[in-house]
Amino acid sequence: MRRLIVALSVAAALCVSVQANAQSQDEEIALTEKAKDLVSRSLKDPSSAQFRDVYLMPKPKGGKCVCGWVNSKNSFGGYVGFRRFISDGTADLTTMDEDSPLFGALVPFNELWAAFCKK
């Protein structure tokens, strides 16, 4: 009987752990999709967006940001080549490979990439 109680306790703990992990994965997927949507909206042709090497990184003060590469078409219909992007899922903190006005000053994109997207 004691073994059964222990086994049920372990099974219950595993179920809670699996459920929390699944919820965390759902939140990460939602954040990634939100970031892709925000990046796409800033492009000349949002429907042409192609993403690669998209991954999540922890932010220094909590939360996560999405880093990756995006390619899209320009006004002439040609693809411009892959550019890096960073997003925390908000329009204010979504930017692509160019100088980014953050915190009232121009912060070079390379500094942002080094701070947030270093694997």
Protein backbone atom coordinates (compact mmCIF):
# COMPACT_ATOMS: atom_id res chain seq x y z
CA MET A 1 0.00 0.00 0.00
CA ARG A 2 2.83 2.38 0.88
CA ARG A 3 4.47 1.77 -2.51
CA LEU A 4 1.19 2.56 -4.24
CA ILE A 5 0.90 5.88 -2.39
CA VAL A 6 4.49 6.79 -3.24
CA ALA A 7 3.95 5.80 -6.88
CA LEU A 8 0.76 7.90 -7.07
CA SER A 9 2.56 10.87 -5.50
CA VAL A 10 5.38 10.61 -8.01
CA ALA A 11 2.90 10.29 -10.89
CA ALA A 12 0.97 13.35 -9.68
CA ALA A 13 4.21 15.38 -9.41
CA LEU A 14 5.21 14.31 -12.93
CA CYS A 15 1.79 15.32 -14.29
CA VAL A 16 2.11 18.79 -12.73
CA SER A 17 5.63 19.11 -14.14
CA VAL A 18 4.53 18.01 -17.63
CA GLN A 19 1.55 20.39 -17.52
CA ALA A 20 3.75 23.34 -16.47
CA ASN A 21 6.25 22.46 -19.20
CA ALA A 22 3.48 22.28 -21.81
CA GLN A 23 2.13 25.67 -20.68
CA SER A 24 5.63 27.14 -20.88
CA GLN A 25 6.06 25.75 -24.41
CA ASP A 26 2.68 27.20 -25.44
CA GLU A 27 3.74 30.62 -24.11
CA GLU A 28 7.04 30.40 -26.00
CA ILE A 29 5.24 29.47 -29.23
CA ALA A 30 2.81 32.36 -28.75
CA LEU A 31 5.68 34.80 -28.11
CA THR A 32 7.52 33.57 -31.20
CA GLU A 33 4.43 33.94 -33.39
CA LYS A 34 3.71 37.43 -31.99
CA ALA A 35 7.32 38.47 -32.71
CA LYS A 36 7.13 37.13 -36.28
CA ASP A 37 3.85 39.00 -36.81
CA LEU A 38 5.34 42.27 -35.55
CA VAL A 39 8.44 41.88 -37.73
CA SER A 40 6.30 41.00 -40.77
CA ARG A 41 4.12 44.07 -40.31
CA SER A 42 7.18 46.33 -40.52
CA LEU A 43 8.20 44.93 -43.91
CA LYS A 44 7.36 46.35 -47.34
CA ASP A 45 5.64 43.07 -48.30
CA PRO A 46 4.58 41.30 -45.06
CA SER A 47 3.21 38.23 -46.87
CA SER A 48 6.63 37.51 -48.39
CA ALA A 49 8.39 37.17 -45.00
CA GLN A 50 10.64 34.12 -44.70
CA PHE A 51 12.06 33.33 -41.25
CA ARG A 52 15.04 31.18 -40.31
CA ASP A 53 17.10 30.42 -37.21
CA VAL A 54 14.43 31.81 -34.86
CA TYR A 55 15.12 31.17 -31.18
CA LEU A 56 14.28 32.44 -27.70
CA MET A 57 16.76 33.94 -25.27
CA PRO A 58 16.25 35.07 -21.67
CA LYS A 59 16.31 38.81 -21.04
CA PRO A 60 18.62 40.02 -18.26
CA LYS A 61 15.73 41.30 -16.11
CA GLY A 62 13.32 38.45 -16.75
CA GLY A 63 11.16 37.36 -19.63
CA LYS A 64 12.36 36.26 -23.04
CA CYS A 65 13.09 37.80 -26.39
CA VAL A 66 12.93 36.29 -29.86
CA CYS A 67 15.98 36.48 -32.11
CA GLY A 68 16.28 35.38 -35.71
CA TRP A 69 16.62 36.22 -39.37
CA VAL A 70 13.98 37.45 -41.83
CA ASN A 71 13.96 37.88 -45.61
CA SER A 72 11.27 39.66 -47.61
CA LYS A 73 10.53 41.31 -50.92
CA ASN A 74 11.23 44.97 -51.65
CA SER A 75 9.15 47.39 -53.74
CA PHE A 76 10.48 45.83 -56.96
CA GLY A 77 9.41 42.31 -55.95
CA GLY A 78 12.91 40.99 -55.32
CA TYR A 79 14.08 39.44 -52.07
CA VAL A 80 16.48 41.70 -50.17
CA GLY A 81 18.38 39.02 -48.24
CA PHE A 82 18.16 37.83 -44.66
CA ARG A 83 18.42 40.45 -41.90
CA ARG A 84 18.60 39.90 -38.16
CA PHE A 85 15.71 40.86 -35.89
CA ILE A 86 15.02 41.04 -32.16
CA SER A 87 11.60 41.21 -30.50
CA ASP A 88 10.17 40.80 -27.02
CA GLY A 89 6.66 40.54 -28.45
CA THR A 90 5.88 44.26 -28.25
CA ALA A 91 5.98 46.84 -31.03
CA ASP A 92 8.22 49.13 -28.95
CA LEU A 93 10.94 46.50 -28.63
CA THR A 94 10.87 44.91 -32.06
CA THR A 95 13.66 45.93 -34.40
CA MET A 96 15.68 44.74 -37.37
CA ASP A 97 19.32 45.00 -38.38
CA GLU A 98 19.72 48.77 -38.30
CA ASP A 99 20.20 51.44 -35.62
CA SER A 100 17.32 51.27 -33.19
CA PRO A 101 15.89 54.16 -31.18
CA LEU A 102 15.52 52.64 -27.72
CA PHE A 103 15.47 54.31 -24.33
CA GLY A 104 15.64 57.79 -25.86
CA ALA A 105 18.99 57.19 -27.60
CA LEU A 106 20.25 55.45 -30.69
CA VAL A 107 21.53 52.02 -29.77
CA PRO A 108 23.41 50.24 -32.56
CA PHE A 109 21.72 46.99 -33.53
CA ASN A 110 24.96 45.03 -33.09
CA GLU A 111 25.02 46.01 -29.40
CA LEU A 112 21.42 44.86 -28.97
CA TRP A 113 22.18 41.59 -30.76
CA ALA A 114 25.24 41.00 -28.57
CA ALA A 115 23.28 41.75 -25.40
CA PHE A 116 20.14 39.76 -26.12
CA CYS A 117 20.86 37.14 -28.77
CA LYS A 118 24.20 35.65 -27.83
CA LYS A 119 23.87 31.85 -27.72
